[in-house]
Amino acid sequence: MAGGLVALLDDVAVLARAAAASIDDIGAAAAKAGTKAAGVVIDDAAVTPQYVRNLAAEREVPIIRRIAVGSLRNKFLIILPAILLLSQFVPWLLTPILMLGGLYLCFEGAEKVWAKVAHHDAHGHGDEAAKDEKTLVSGAVRTDLILSAEIMVITLNEVIDEPFWSRLAILAVVALVMTVVVYGAVALIVKMDDAGLRLAQLSGAIAGFGRGLVKAMPIVLTALTIIGTAAMLWVGGHILLVGSDELGLHFLYGAVHHVEEAAHDATGPLGGLVGWLVNTMFSAILGLIAGALVIVVVTSIASRRKKSAEPEKSAEPERSAEPDKAAEPETSAAPGKTEA
């Protein structure tokens, strides 16, 4: 009896060690895959603060919390099941779907550039729409869906050779950690001014530091808006660049890669950084061009719909005016009859 119990305990210990080793492997793989997606994570953190800009201070954290919950829903209920199923049964569909998401990011980024250049709201919303929390959250969650999909697909590519359940565990860990990191950082960024105001009420160097935080906050948010817009164009353009190469259209990717290698070889120790900057610049230019083309198409379709709707609207007053014209002779003839 005692021997059986000892054997059972030994088996439990072996299983526990195996489980611990498996958890360690999953953690290591998640860390490695997460590092590959770090660029997109930075983009996500840069994009999000613009959605809470100009909101009341007490509404900033609740809005970020709602966006974070939406991001978790995106990752666990939409992206994770979708990419696992697609990678298992129709892996060739992942690239076209990701390219559509990249095109949407290019469109969003190009719209913001156009709004800045033309000094008007790219979406056609006024201040009221800017204060509509539901609109803000839905817009942020839509953008997060694309960036989260990019993070998850990058992670999947790093662990594609793992067994199904290991892939699932690694992707789930990355999804949770990335969401906490991104939106925790965003919450800290947008509350910097509030922290500065509290510190400014103290005395000495701490008060000066607090006032510095308050003064720096508008600059930080403006910089993050610019970085976020550039990030959309860069990530979207890079998705299109790599996706077109994977689909067999090698010209664009080959040309950019050739320039990147030339810059890398010409700059010695800084070659890695310069090569990355060259690739990033061309990706952003491609993203801006692709986004501008989408804006032209969308604007053209909207303009045609508006023109087709105008004749119907203009025809209604004419029809309603005809009875009035017909009625005029009768009213003018009435005095004549009275005079007769």
C-alpha atoms as a PDB file:
ATOM      1  CA  MET A   1       0.000   0.000   0.000  1.00  0.00           C
ATOM      2  CA  ALA A   2       2.758   2.387   1.036  1.00  0.00           C
ATOM      3  CA  GLY A   3       4.828   1.386  -2.001  1.00  0.00           C
ATOM      4  CA  GLY A   4       1.891   2.132  -4.318  1.00  0.00           C
ATOM      5  CA  LEU A   5       1.417   5.546  -2.706  1.00  0.00           C
ATOM      6  CA  VAL A   6       5.107   6.377  -3.142  1.00  0.00           C
ATOM      7  CA  ALA A   7       4.969   5.290  -6.802  1.00  0.00           C
ATOM      8  CA  LEU A   8       1.881   7.463  -7.321  1.00  0.00           C
ATOM      9  CA  LEU A   9       3.633  10.458  -5.737  1.00  0.00           C
ATOM     10  CA  ASP A  10       6.639   9.861  -7.978  1.00  0.00           C
ATOM     11  CA  ASP A  11       4.367   9.867 -11.036  1.00  0.00           C
ATOM     12  CA  VAL A  12       2.723  13.097  -9.877  1.00  0.00           C
ATOM     13  CA  ALA A  13       6.161  14.668  -9.371  1.00  0.00           C
ATOM     14  CA  VAL A  14       7.232  13.626 -12.891  1.00  0.00           C
ATOM     15  CA  LEU A  15       4.035  15.075 -14.365  1.00  0.00           C
ATOM     16  CA  ALA A  16       4.500  18.291 -12.388  1.00  0.00           C
ATOM     17  CA  ARG A  17       8.073  18.664 -13.666  1.00  0.00           C
ATOM     18  CA  ALA A  18       6.914  18.015 -17.224  1.00  0.00           C
ATOM     19  CA  ALA A  19       4.140  20.590 -16.855  1.00  0.00           C
ATOM     20  CA  ALA A  20       6.592  23.122 -15.418  1.00  0.00           C
ATOM     21  CA  ALA A  21       9.001  22.505 -18.301  1.00  0.00           C
ATOM     22  CA  SER A  22       6.133  22.871 -20.770  1.00  0.00           C
ATOM     23  CA  ILE A  23       5.109  26.180 -19.158  1.00  0.00           C
ATOM     24  CA  ASP A  24       8.718  27.369 -19.326  1.00  0.00           C
ATOM     25  CA  ASP A  25       8.858  26.433 -23.018  1.00  0.00           C
ATOM     26  CA  ILE A  26       5.610  28.259 -23.716  1.00  0.00           C
ATOM     27  CA  GLY A  27       6.855  31.326 -21.825  1.00  0.00           C
ATOM     28  CA  ALA A  28      10.155  31.340 -23.703  1.00  0.00           C
ATOM     29  CA  ALA A  29       8.444  30.891 -27.069  1.00  0.00           C
ATOM     30  CA  ALA A  30       5.915  33.615 -26.246  1.00  0.00           C
ATOM     31  CA  ALA A  31       8.721  36.009 -25.267  1.00  0.00           C
ATOM     32  CA  LYS A  32      10.613  35.285 -28.488  1.00  0.00           C
ATOM     33  CA  ALA A  33       7.521  35.680 -30.664  1.00  0.00           C
ATOM     34  CA  GLY A  34       6.458  38.798 -28.768  1.00  0.00           C
ATOM     35  CA  THR A  35       9.844  40.380 -29.430  1.00  0.00           C
ATOM     36  CA  LYS A  36       9.307  39.887 -33.165  1.00  0.00           C
ATOM     37  CA  ALA A  37       6.001  41.775 -32.887  1.00  0.00           C
ATOM     38  CA  ALA A  38       7.441  44.583 -30.737  1.00  0.00           C
ATOM     39  CA  GLY A  39       7.394  47.058 -33.626  1.00  0.00           C
ATOM     40  CA  VAL A  40       3.654  46.647 -34.102  1.00  0.00           C
ATOM     41  CA  VAL A  41       3.121  46.856 -30.340  1.00  0.00           C
ATOM     42  CA  ILE A  42       4.855  50.250 -30.324  1.00  0.00           C
ATOM     43  CA  ASP A  43       2.642  51.316 -33.222  1.00  0.00           C
ATOM     44  CA  ASP A  44      -0.448  50.239 -31.296  1.00  0.00           C
ATOM     45  CA  ALA A  45       0.668  52.188 -28.209  1.00  0.00           C
ATOM     46  CA  ALA A  46       1.336  55.272 -30.355  1.00  0.00           C
ATOM     47  CA  VAL A  47      -1.987  55.113 -32.208  1.00  0.00           C
ATOM     48  CA  THR A  48      -4.336  54.681 -29.226  1.00  0.00           C
ATOM     49  CA  PRO A  49      -3.793  57.939 -27.229  1.00  0.00           C
ATOM     50  CA  GLN A  50      -5.179  60.043 -30.088  1.00  0.00           C
ATOM     51  CA  TYR A  51      -8.610  58.535 -29.430  1.00  0.00           C
ATOM     52  CA  VAL A  52      -8.811  60.057 -25.950  1.00  0.00           C
ATOM     53  CA  ARG A  53      -7.325  63.417 -26.855  1.00  0.00           C
ATOM     54  CA  ASN A  54      -9.490  66.414 -25.833  1.00  0.00           C
ATOM     55  CA  LEU A  55     -11.706  64.238 -23.616  1.00  0.00           C
ATOM     56  CA  ALA A  56     -12.520  65.157 -20.034  1.00  0.00           C
ATOM     57  CA  ALA A  57      -9.816  63.847 -17.696  1.00  0.00           C
ATOM     58  CA  GLU A  58     -12.222  61.642 -15.747  1.00  0.00           C
ATOM     59  CA  ARG A  59     -13.305  59.865 -18.947  1.00  0.00           C
ATOM     60  CA  GLU A  60      -9.826  58.998 -20.254  1.00  0.00           C
ATOM     61  CA  VAL A  61      -9.149  55.838 -18.226  1.00  0.00           C
ATOM     62  CA  PRO A  62     -12.708  54.445 -18.627  1.00  0.00           C
ATOM     63  CA  ILE A  63     -12.431  54.913 -22.408  1.00  0.00           C
ATOM     64  CA  ILE A  64      -9.027  53.201 -22.463  1.00  0.00           C
ATOM     65  CA  ARG A  65     -10.475  50.381 -20.353  1.00  0.00           C
ATOM     66  CA  ARG A  66     -13.310  49.917 -22.863  1.00  0.00           C
ATOM     67  CA  ILE A  67     -10.838  49.893 -25.764  1.00  0.00           C
ATOM     68  CA  ALA A  68      -8.664  47.345 -23.910  1.00  0.00           C
ATOM     69  CA  VAL A  69     -11.686  45.085 -23.348  1.00  0.00           C
ATOM     70  CA  GLY A  70     -12.532  45.431 -27.035  1.00  0.00           C
ATOM     71  CA  SER A  71      -8.931  44.540 -27.866  1.00  0.00           C
ATOM     72  CA  LEU A  72      -9.143  41.367 -25.760  1.00  0.00           C
ATOM     73  CA  ARG A  73     -12.390  40.448 -27.526  1.00  0.00           C
ATOM     74  CA  ASN A  74     -10.687  41.042 -30.869  1.00  0.00           C
ATOM     75  CA  LYS A  75      -7.789  38.771 -29.954  1.00  0.00           C
ATOM     76  CA  PHE A  76      -9.561  35.925 -28.159  1.00  0.00           C
ATOM     77  CA  LEU A  77     -12.944  35.773 -29.907  1.00  0.00           C
ATOM     78  CA  ILE A  78     -12.040  36.774 -33.481  1.00  0.00           C
ATOM     79  CA  ILE A  79      -8.335  36.718 -34.322  1.00  0.00           C
ATOM     80  CA  LEU A  80      -7.110  33.722 -32.300  1.00  0.00           C
ATOM     81  CA  PRO A  81      -9.778  31.233 -33.474  1.00  0.00           C
ATOM     82  CA  ALA A  82      -9.621  32.576 -37.034  1.00  0.00           C
ATOM     83  CA  ILE A  83      -5.863  32.356 -37.524  1.00  0.00           C
ATOM     84  CA  LEU A  84      -5.653  28.946 -35.841  1.00  0.00           C
ATOM     85  CA  LEU A  85      -8.360  27.550 -38.100  1.00  0.00           C
ATOM     86  CA  LEU A  86      -6.927  29.214 -41.190  1.00  0.00           C
ATOM     87  CA  SER A  87      -3.380  28.064 -40.417  1.00  0.00           C
ATOM     88  CA  GLN A  88      -4.663  24.540 -39.856  1.00  0.00           C
ATOM     89  CA  PHE A  89      -6.890  24.190 -42.943  1.00  0.00           C
ATOM     90  CA  VAL A  90      -6.411  27.077 -45.438  1.00  0.00           C
ATOM     91  CA  PRO A  91      -3.097  28.773 -44.599  1.00  0.00           C
ATOM     92  CA  TRP A  92      -2.948  30.456 -48.025  1.00  0.00           C
ATOM     93  CA  LEU A  93      -5.845  32.756 -46.991  1.00  0.00           C
ATOM     94  CA  LEU A  94      -3.890  34.406 -44.167  1.00  0.00           C
ATOM     95  CA  THR A  95      -1.826  36.649 -46.461  1.00  0.00           C
ATOM     96  CA  PRO A  96      -4.735  38.119 -48.516  1.00  0.00           C
ATOM     97  CA  ILE A  97      -6.769  38.777 -45.353  1.00  0.00           C
ATOM     98  CA  LEU A  98      -3.793  40.428 -43.689  1.00  0.00           C
ATOM     99  CA  MET A  99      -3.246  42.569 -46.809  1.00  0.00           C
ATOM    100  CA  LEU A 100      -6.841  43.797 -46.642  1.00  0.00           C
ATOM    101  CA  GLY A 101      -6.196  44.827 -43.056  1.00  0.00           C
ATOM    102  CA  GLY A 102      -2.991  46.549 -44.145  1.00  0.00           C
ATOM    103  CA  LEU A 103      -4.906  48.454 -46.828  1.00  0.00           C
ATOM    104  CA  TYR A 104      -7.367  49.646 -44.178  1.00  0.00           C
ATOM    105  CA  LEU A 105      -4.476  50.930 -42.055  1.00  0.00           C
ATOM    106  CA  CYS A 106      -3.082  52.773 -45.101  1.00  0.00           C
ATOM    107  CA  PHE A 107      -6.504  54.327 -45.644  1.00  0.00           C
ATOM    108  CA  GLU A 108      -6.744  55.464 -42.017  1.00  0.00           C
ATOM    109  CA  GLY A 109      -3.242  56.941 -42.076  1.00  0.00           C
ATOM    110  CA  ALA A 110      -3.719  58.693 -45.422  1.00  0.00           C
ATOM    111  CA  GLU A 111      -7.019  60.163 -44.194  1.00  0.00           C
ATOM    112  CA  LYS A 112      -5.273  61.711 -41.215  1.00  0.00           C
ATOM    113  CA  VAL A 113      -2.551  63.160 -43.458  1.00  0.00           C
ATOM    114  CA  TRP A 114      -5.213  64.591 -45.786  1.00  0.00           C
ATOM    115  CA  ALA A 115      -7.114  66.052 -42.831  1.00  0.00           C
ATOM    116  CA  LYS A 116      -3.949  67.806 -41.654  1.00  0.00           C
ATOM    117  CA  VAL A 117      -3.038  69.114 -45.118  1.00  0.00           C
ATOM    118  CA  ALA A 118      -6.554  70.198 -46.102  1.00  0.00           C
ATOM    119  CA  HIS A 119      -7.435  71.474 -42.585  1.00  0.00           C
ATOM    120  CA  HIS A 120     -10.684  69.565 -42.388  1.00  0.00           C
ATOM    121  CA  ASP A 121     -12.037  66.463 -40.696  1.00  0.00           C
ATOM    122  CA  ALA A 122     -11.150  63.463 -42.861  1.00  0.00           C
ATOM    123  CA  HIS A 123     -14.143  61.494 -41.636  1.00  0.00           C
ATOM    124  CA  GLY A 124     -16.538  64.367 -41.984  1.00  0.00           C
ATOM    125  CA  HIS A 125     -17.362  64.390 -38.272  1.00  0.00           C
ATOM    126  CA  GLY A 126     -17.607  67.526 -36.256  1.00  0.00           C
ATOM    127  CA  ASP A 127     -16.822  68.223 -32.642  1.00  0.00           C
ATOM    128  CA  GLU A 128     -19.927  66.368 -31.542  1.00  0.00           C
ATOM    129  CA  ALA A 129     -18.727  63.149 -33.156  1.00  0.00           C
ATOM    130  CA  ALA A 130     -15.306  63.676 -31.595  1.00  0.00           C
ATOM    131  CA  LYS A 131     -16.964  63.665 -28.155  1.00  0.00           C
ATOM    132  CA  ASP A 132     -19.125  60.611 -28.839  1.00  0.00           C
ATOM    133  CA  GLU A 133     -17.573  57.886 -26.695  1.00  0.00           C
ATOM    134  CA  LYS A 134     -19.265  55.076 -28.584  1.00  0.00           C
ATOM    135  CA  THR A 135     -17.828  56.362 -31.870  1.00  0.00           C
ATOM    136  CA  LEU A 136     -14.384  56.772 -30.314  1.00  0.00           C
ATOM    137  CA  VAL A 137     -14.333  53.269 -28.856  1.00  0.00           C
ATOM    138  CA  SER A 138     -15.642  51.588 -32.015  1.00  0.00           C
ATOM    139  CA  GLY A 139     -13.080  53.411 -34.155  1.00  0.00           C
ATOM    140  CA  ALA A 140     -10.237  52.507 -31.799  1.00  0.00           C
ATOM    141  CA  VAL A 141     -11.337  48.870 -31.603  1.00  0.00           C
ATOM    142  CA  ARG A 142     -11.519  48.641 -35.417  1.00  0.00           C
ATOM    143  CA  THR A 143      -7.965  49.958 -35.730  1.00  0.00           C
ATOM    144  CA  ASP A 144      -6.853  47.670 -32.888  1.00  0.00           C
ATOM    145  CA  LEU A 145      -8.323  44.697 -34.778  1.00  0.00           C
ATOM    146  CA  ILE A 146      -5.874  45.263 -37.645  1.00  0.00           C
ATOM    147  CA  LEU A 147      -2.853  45.913 -35.419  1.00  0.00           C
ATOM    148  CA  SER A 148      -3.728  42.959 -33.170  1.00  0.00           C
ATOM    149  CA  ALA A 149      -4.117  40.717 -36.210  1.00  0.00           C
ATOM    150  CA  GLU A 150      -0.643  41.766 -37.349  1.00  0.00           C
ATOM    151  CA  ILE A 151       0.793  40.998 -33.887  1.00  0.00           C
ATOM    152  CA  MET A 152      -0.886  37.606 -33.775  1.00  0.00           C
ATOM    153  CA  VAL A 153       0.099  36.624 -37.318  1.00  0.00           C
ATOM    154  CA  ILE A 154       3.741  37.590 -36.647  1.00  0.00           C
ATOM    155  CA  THR A 155       3.592  35.474 -33.501  1.00  0.00           C
ATOM    156  CA  LEU A 156       2.007  32.584 -35.408  1.00  0.00           C
ATOM    157  CA  ASN A 157       4.761  32.677 -38.027  1.00  0.00           C
ATOM    158  CA  GLU A 158       7.328  32.257 -35.241  1.00  0.00           C
ATOM    159  CA  VAL A 159       5.612  29.203 -33.721  1.00  0.00           C
ATOM    160  CA  ILE A 160       4.041  27.658 -36.812  1.00  0.00           C
ATOM    161  CA  ASP A 161       6.023  24.406 -36.306  1.00  0.00           C
ATOM    162  CA  GLU A 162       4.751  23.927 -32.745  1.00  0.00           C
ATOM    163  CA  PRO A 163       1.943  21.449 -32.007  1.00  0.00           C
ATOM    164  CA  PHE A 164      -1.593  22.857 -32.133  1.00  0.00           C
ATOM    165  CA  TRP A 165      -2.121  23.150 -28.376  1.00  0.00           C
ATOM    166  CA  SER A 166       1.295  24.741 -27.841  1.00  0.00           C
ATOM    167  CA  ARG A 167       0.496  27.261 -30.580  1.00  0.00           C
ATOM    168  CA  LEU A 168      -2.806  28.037 -28.886  1.00  0.00           C
ATOM    169  CA  ALA A 169      -1.153  28.551 -25.475  1.00  0.00           C
ATOM    170  CA  ILE A 170       1.638  30.738 -26.874  1.00  0.00           C
ATOM    171  CA  LEU A 171      -0.755  32.914 -28.869  1.00  0.00           C
ATOM    172  CA  ALA A 172      -3.026  33.301 -25.830  1.00  0.00           C
ATOM    173  CA  VAL A 173      -0.093  34.379 -23.635  1.00  0.00           C
ATOM    174  CA  VAL A 174       1.101  36.887 -26.246  1.00  0.00           C
ATOM    175  CA  ALA A 175      -2.441  38.259 -26.709  1.00  0.00           C
ATOM    176  CA  LEU A 176      -2.914  38.836 -22.975  1.00  0.00           C
ATOM    177  CA  VAL A 177       0.554  40.258 -22.270  1.00  0.00           C
ATOM    178  CA  MET A 178       0.549  42.562 -25.297  1.00  0.00           C
ATOM    179  CA  THR A 179      -2.860  43.972 -24.384  1.00  0.00           C
ATOM    180  CA  VAL A 180      -1.815  44.672 -20.792  1.00  0.00           C
ATOM    181  CA  VAL A 181       1.480  46.255 -21.890  1.00  0.00           C
ATOM    182  CA  VAL A 182      -0.045  48.433 -24.640  1.00  0.00           C
ATOM    183  CA  TYR A 183      -3.056  49.767 -22.765  1.00  0.00           C
ATOM    184  CA  GLY A 184      -1.222  50.036 -19.451  1.00  0.00           C
ATOM    185  CA  ALA A 185       1.346  52.235 -21.199  1.00  0.00           C
ATOM    186  CA  VAL A 186      -1.406  54.254 -22.881  1.00  0.00           C
ATOM    187  CA  ALA A 187      -3.156  54.839 -19.544  1.00  0.00           C
ATOM    188  CA  LEU A 188       0.104  56.069 -18.021  1.00  0.00           C
ATOM    189  CA  ILE A 189       0.728  58.399 -20.962  1.00  0.00           C
ATOM    190  CA  VAL A 190      -2.682  60.057 -20.933  1.00  0.00           C
ATOM    191  CA  LYS A 191      -2.634  60.528 -17.134  1.00  0.00           C
ATOM    192  CA  MET A 192       0.754  62.231 -17.119  1.00  0.00           C
ATOM    193  CA  ASP A 193      -0.824  65.692 -16.983  1.00  0.00           C
ATOM    194  CA  ASP A 194      -3.018  64.762 -14.000  1.00  0.00           C
ATOM    195  CA  ALA A 195       0.028  63.431 -12.177  1.00  0.00           C
ATOM    196  CA  GLY A 196       1.858  66.648 -13.088  1.00  0.00           C
ATOM    197  CA  LEU A 197      -0.930  68.786 -11.629  1.00  0.00           C
ATOM    198  CA  ARG A 198      -0.784  66.904  -8.337  1.00  0.00           C
ATOM    199  CA  LEU A 199       3.000  67.151  -8.168  1.00  0.00           C
ATOM    200  CA  ALA A 200       2.829  70.877  -8.997  1.00  0.00           C
ATOM    201  CA  GLN A 201       0.862  71.437  -5.776  1.00  0.00           C
ATOM    202  CA  LEU A 202       3.871  70.287  -3.760  1.00  0.00           C
ATOM    203  CA  SER A 203       6.980  72.356  -3.139  1.00  0.00           C
ATOM    204  CA  GLY A 204      10.527  72.555  -4.411  1.00  0.00           C
ATOM    205  CA  ALA A 205      11.949  70.556  -7.311  1.00  0.00           C
ATOM    206  CA  ILE A 206       9.003  68.137  -7.301  1.00  0.00           C
ATOM    207  CA  ALA A 207       6.605  71.014  -8.041  1.00  0.00           C
ATOM    208  CA  GLY A 208       8.844  72.150 -10.901  1.00  0.00           C
ATOM    209  CA  PHE A 209       8.901  68.623 -12.286  1.00  0.00           C
ATOM    210  CA  GLY A 210       5.095  68.490 -12.099  1.00  0.00           C
ATOM    211  CA  ARG A 211       4.740  71.771 -13.974  1.00  0.00           C
ATOM    212  CA  GLY A 212       7.153  70.438 -16.575  1.00  0.00           C
ATOM    213  CA  LEU A 213       4.958  67.348 -17.051  1.00  0.00           C
ATOM    214  CA  VAL A 214       1.868  69.501 -17.559  1.00  0.00           C
ATOM    215  CA  LYS A 215       3.629  71.703 -20.124  1.00  0.00           C
ATOM    216  CA  ALA A 216       5.102  68.718 -21.938  1.00  0.00           C
ATOM    217  CA  MET A 217       1.838  66.791 -22.227  1.00  0.00           C
ATOM    218  CA  PRO A 218       0.405  68.622 -25.293  1.00  0.00           C
ATOM    219  CA  ILE A 219       3.742  68.135 -27.064  1.00  0.00           C
ATOM    220  CA  VAL A 220       3.790  64.445 -26.143  1.00  0.00           C
ATOM    221  CA  LEU A 221       0.231  63.884 -27.412  1.00  0.00           C
ATOM    222  CA  THR A 222       0.938  65.764 -30.646  1.00  0.00           C
ATOM    223  CA  ALA A 223       4.097  63.707 -31.147  1.00  0.00           C
ATOM    224  CA  LEU A 224       2.176  60.494 -30.460  1.00  0.00           C
ATOM    225  CA  THR A 225      -0.485  61.498 -33.003  1.00  0.00           C
ATOM    226  CA  ILE A 226       2.214  62.026 -35.631  1.00  0.00           C
ATOM    227  CA  ILE A 227       3.952  58.777 -34.679  1.00  0.00           C
ATOM    228  CA  GLY A 228       0.630  56.928 -34.722  1.00  0.00           C
ATOM    229  CA  THR A 229      -0.234  58.201 -38.205  1.00  0.00           C
ATOM    230  CA  ALA A 230       3.243  57.342 -39.496  1.00  0.00           C
ATOM    231  CA  ALA A 231       2.932  53.923 -37.832  1.00  0.00           C
ATOM    232  CA  MET A 232      -0.330  53.175 -39.637  1.00  0.00           C
ATOM    233  CA  LEU A 233       1.274  54.019 -42.992  1.00  0.00           C
ATOM    234  CA  TRP A 234       4.447  52.099 -42.167  1.00  0.00           C
ATOM    235  CA  VAL A 235       2.755  48.944 -40.866  1.00  0.00           C
ATOM    236  CA  GLY A 236       0.071  48.977 -43.563  1.00  0.00           C
ATOM    237  CA  GLY A 237       2.609  49.561 -46.320  1.00  0.00           C
ATOM    238  CA  HIS A 238       4.913  46.862 -44.954  1.00  0.00           C
ATOM    239  CA  ILE A 239       2.036  44.366 -44.863  1.00  0.00           C
ATOM    240  CA  LEU A 240       1.274  45.145 -48.529  1.00  0.00           C
ATOM    241  CA  LEU A 241       4.956  44.958 -49.465  1.00  0.00           C
ATOM    242  CA  VAL A 242       5.609  41.586 -47.852  1.00  0.00           C
ATOM    243  CA  GLY A 243       2.193  40.211 -48.830  1.00  0.00           C
ATOM    244  CA  SER A 244       2.661  41.064 -52.506  1.00  0.00           C
ATOM    245  CA  ASP A 245       5.988  39.210 -52.455  1.00  0.00           C
ATOM    246  CA  GLU A 246       4.388  36.157 -50.846  1.00  0.00           C
ATOM    247  CA  LEU A 247       1.666  36.200 -53.515  1.00  0.00           C
ATOM    248  CA  GLY A 248       4.268  36.124 -56.289  1.00  0.00           C
ATOM    249  CA  LEU A 249       4.525  39.843 -57.144  1.00  0.00           C
ATOM    250  CA  HIS A 250       8.221  40.216 -56.389  1.00  0.00           C
ATOM    251  CA  PHE A 251       8.969  43.522 -58.136  1.00  0.00           C
ATOM    252  CA  LEU A 252       8.184  45.961 -55.309  1.00  0.00           C
ATOM    253  CA  TYR A 253       9.684  43.869 -52.524  1.00  0.00           C
ATOM    254  CA  GLY A 254      12.759  43.090 -54.621  1.00  0.00           C
ATOM    255  CA  ALA A 255      13.349  46.768 -55.449  1.00  0.00           C
ATOM    256  CA  VAL A 256      13.013  47.871 -51.807  1.00  0.00           C
ATOM    257  CA  HIS A 257      15.181  44.988 -50.608  1.00  0.00           C
ATOM    258  CA  HIS A 258      17.870  45.922 -53.148  1.00  0.00           C
ATOM    259  CA  VAL A 259      17.959  49.551 -51.933  1.00  0.00           C
ATOM    260  CA  GLU A 260      17.914  48.370 -48.307  1.00  0.00           C
ATOM    261  CA  GLU A 261      20.930  46.097 -48.872  1.00  0.00           C
ATOM    262  CA  ALA A 262      22.817  48.862 -50.699  1.00  0.00           C
ATOM    263  CA  ALA A 263      22.192  51.260 -47.780  1.00  0.00           C
ATOM    264  CA  HIS A 264      23.204  48.553 -45.304  1.00  0.00           C
ATOM    265  CA  ASP A 265      26.500  47.847 -47.089  1.00  0.00           C
ATOM    266  CA  ALA A 266      27.340  51.544 -47.553  1.00  0.00           C
ATOM    267  CA  THR A 267      26.955  52.600 -43.903  1.00  0.00           C
ATOM    268  CA  GLY A 268      29.235  50.128 -42.101  1.00  0.00           C
ATOM    269  CA  PRO A 269      28.446  49.696 -38.384  1.00  0.00           C
ATOM    270  CA  LEU A 270      25.180  51.601 -38.762  1.00  0.00           C
ATOM    271  CA  GLY A 271      24.099  49.372 -41.626  1.00  0.00           C
ATOM    272  CA  GLY A 272      21.402  47.543 -39.682  1.00  0.00           C
ATOM    273  CA  LEU A 273      19.735  50.733 -38.503  1.00  0.00           C
ATOM    274  CA  VAL A 274      20.036  52.504 -41.860  1.00  0.00           C
ATOM    275  CA  GLY A 275      18.714  49.457 -43.722  1.00  0.00           C
ATOM    276  CA  TRP A 276      15.725  49.289 -41.385  1.00  0.00           C
ATOM    277  CA  LEU A 277      15.054  53.014 -41.849  1.00  0.00           C
ATOM    278  CA  VAL A 278      15.175  52.631 -45.645  1.00  0.00           C
ATOM    279  CA  ASN A 279      12.715  49.732 -45.534  1.00  0.00           C
ATOM    280  CA  THR A 280      10.473  51.683 -43.157  1.00  0.00           C
ATOM    281  CA  MET A 281      10.549  54.792 -45.356  1.00  0.00           C
ATOM    282  CA  PHE A 282       9.614  52.896 -48.515  1.00  0.00           C
ATOM    283  CA  SER A 283       6.902  50.984 -46.643  1.00  0.00           C
ATOM    284  CA  ALA A 284       5.406  54.266 -45.386  1.00  0.00           C
ATOM    285  CA  ILE A 285       5.527  55.796 -48.899  1.00  0.00           C
ATOM    286  CA  LEU A 286       3.800  52.727 -50.318  1.00  0.00           C
ATOM    287  CA  GLY A 287       1.232  52.944 -47.509  1.00  0.00           C
ATOM    288  CA  LEU A 288       0.560  56.616 -48.258  1.00  0.00           C
ATOM    289  CA  ILE A 289       0.119  55.941 -51.989  1.00  0.00           C
ATOM    290  CA  ALA A 290      -2.154  52.946 -51.375  1.00  0.00           C
ATOM    291  CA  GLY A 291      -4.191  54.889 -48.791  1.00  0.00           C
ATOM    292  CA  ALA A 292      -4.521  57.874 -51.146  1.00  0.00           C
ATOM    293  CA  LEU A 293      -5.824  55.598 -53.904  1.00  0.00           C
ATOM    294  CA  VAL A 294      -8.421  54.151 -51.533  1.00  0.00           C
ATOM    295  CA  ILE A 295      -9.460  57.701 -50.529  1.00  0.00           C
ATOM    296  CA  VAL A 296      -9.900  58.606 -54.224  1.00  0.00           C
ATOM    297  CA  VAL A 297     -12.050  55.518 -54.813  1.00  0.00           C
ATOM    298  CA  VAL A 298     -14.141  56.038 -51.663  1.00  0.00           C
ATOM    299  CA  THR A 299     -14.589  59.766 -52.376  1.00  0.00           C
ATOM    300  CA  SER A 300     -15.553  59.047 -55.994  1.00  0.00           C
ATOM    301  CA  ILE A 301     -18.168  56.473 -54.948  1.00  0.00           C
ATOM    302  CA  ALA A 302     -19.589  58.838 -52.313  1.00  0.00           C
ATOM    303  CA  SER A 303     -19.703  61.696 -54.845  1.00  0.00           C
ATOM    304  CA  ARG A 304     -21.577  59.570 -57.393  1.00  0.00           C
ATOM    305  CA  ARG A 305     -24.091  58.469 -54.790  1.00  0.00           C
ATOM    306  CA  LYS A 306     -24.622  62.088 -53.767  1.00  0.00           C
ATOM    307  CA  LYS A 307     -25.151  63.203 -57.372  1.00  0.00           C
ATOM    308  CA  SER A 308     -27.586  60.380 -58.050  1.00  0.00           C
ATOM    309  CA  ALA A 309     -29.552  61.368 -54.944  1.00  0.00           C
ATOM    310  CA  GLU A 310     -29.694  65.092 -55.844  1.00  0.00           C
ATOM    311  CA  PRO A 311     -32.173  64.835 -58.817  1.00  0.00           C
ATOM    312  CA  GLU A 312     -34.632  62.950 -56.621  1.00  0.00           C
ATOM    313  CA  LYS A 313     -34.430  65.639 -53.939  1.00  0.00           C
ATOM    314  CA  SER A 314     -34.689  68.493 -56.456  1.00  0.00           C
ATOM    315  CA  ALA A 315     -37.649  66.835 -58.211  1.00  0.00           C
ATOM    316  CA  GLU A 316     -39.784  66.795 -55.080  1.00  0.00           C
ATOM    317  CA  PRO A 317     -40.152  70.610 -54.688  1.00  0.00           C
ATOM    318  CA  GLU A 318     -41.004  70.961 -58.422  1.00  0.00           C
ATOM    319  CA  ARG A 319     -43.828  68.471 -58.164  1.00  0.00           C
ATOM    320  CA  SER A 320     -45.164  70.129 -55.050  1.00  0.00           C
ATOM    321  CA  ALA A 321     -44.959  73.544 -56.723  1.00  0.00           C
ATOM    322  CA  GLU A 322     -47.128  72.584 -59.729  1.00  0.00           C
ATOM    323  CA  PRO A 323     -50.464  72.610 -57.863  1.00  0.00           C
ATOM    324  CA  ASP A 324     -49.636  76.075 -56.506  1.00  0.00           C
ATOM    325  CA  LYS A 325     -49.078  77.397 -60.046  1.00  0.00           C
ATOM    326  CA  ALA A 326     -52.310  75.879 -61.242  1.00  0.00           C
ATOM    327  CA  ALA A 327     -54.155  77.422 -58.349  1.00  0.00           C
ATOM    328  CA  GLU A 328     -52.940  80.970 -59.109  1.00  0.00           C
ATOM    329  CA  PRO A 329     -55.326  81.682 -62.076  1.00  0.00           C
ATOM    330  CA  GLU A 330     -58.317  80.582 -60.041  1.00  0.00           C
ATOM    331  CA  THR A 331     -57.539  82.996 -57.214  1.00  0.00           C
ATOM    332  CA  SER A 332     -56.797  85.809 -59.675  1.00  0.00           C
ATOM    333  CA  ALA A 333     -59.985  85.081 -61.638  1.00  0.00           C
ATOM    334  CA  ALA A 334     -62.179  85.359 -58.597  1.00  0.00           C
ATOM    335  CA  PRO A 335     -62.004  89.173 -58.362  1.00  0.00           C
ATOM    336  CA  GLY A 336     -62.882  89.411 -62.070  1.00  0.00           C
ATOM    337  CA  LYS A 337     -66.080  87.526 -61.559  1.00  0.00           C
ATOM    338  CA  THR A 338     -66.981  89.760 -58.659  1.00  0.00           C
ATOM    339  CA  GLU A 339     -66.447  92.876 -60.775  1.00  0.00           C
ATOM    340  CA  ALA A 340     -68.614  91.462 -63.538  1.00  0.00           C
END
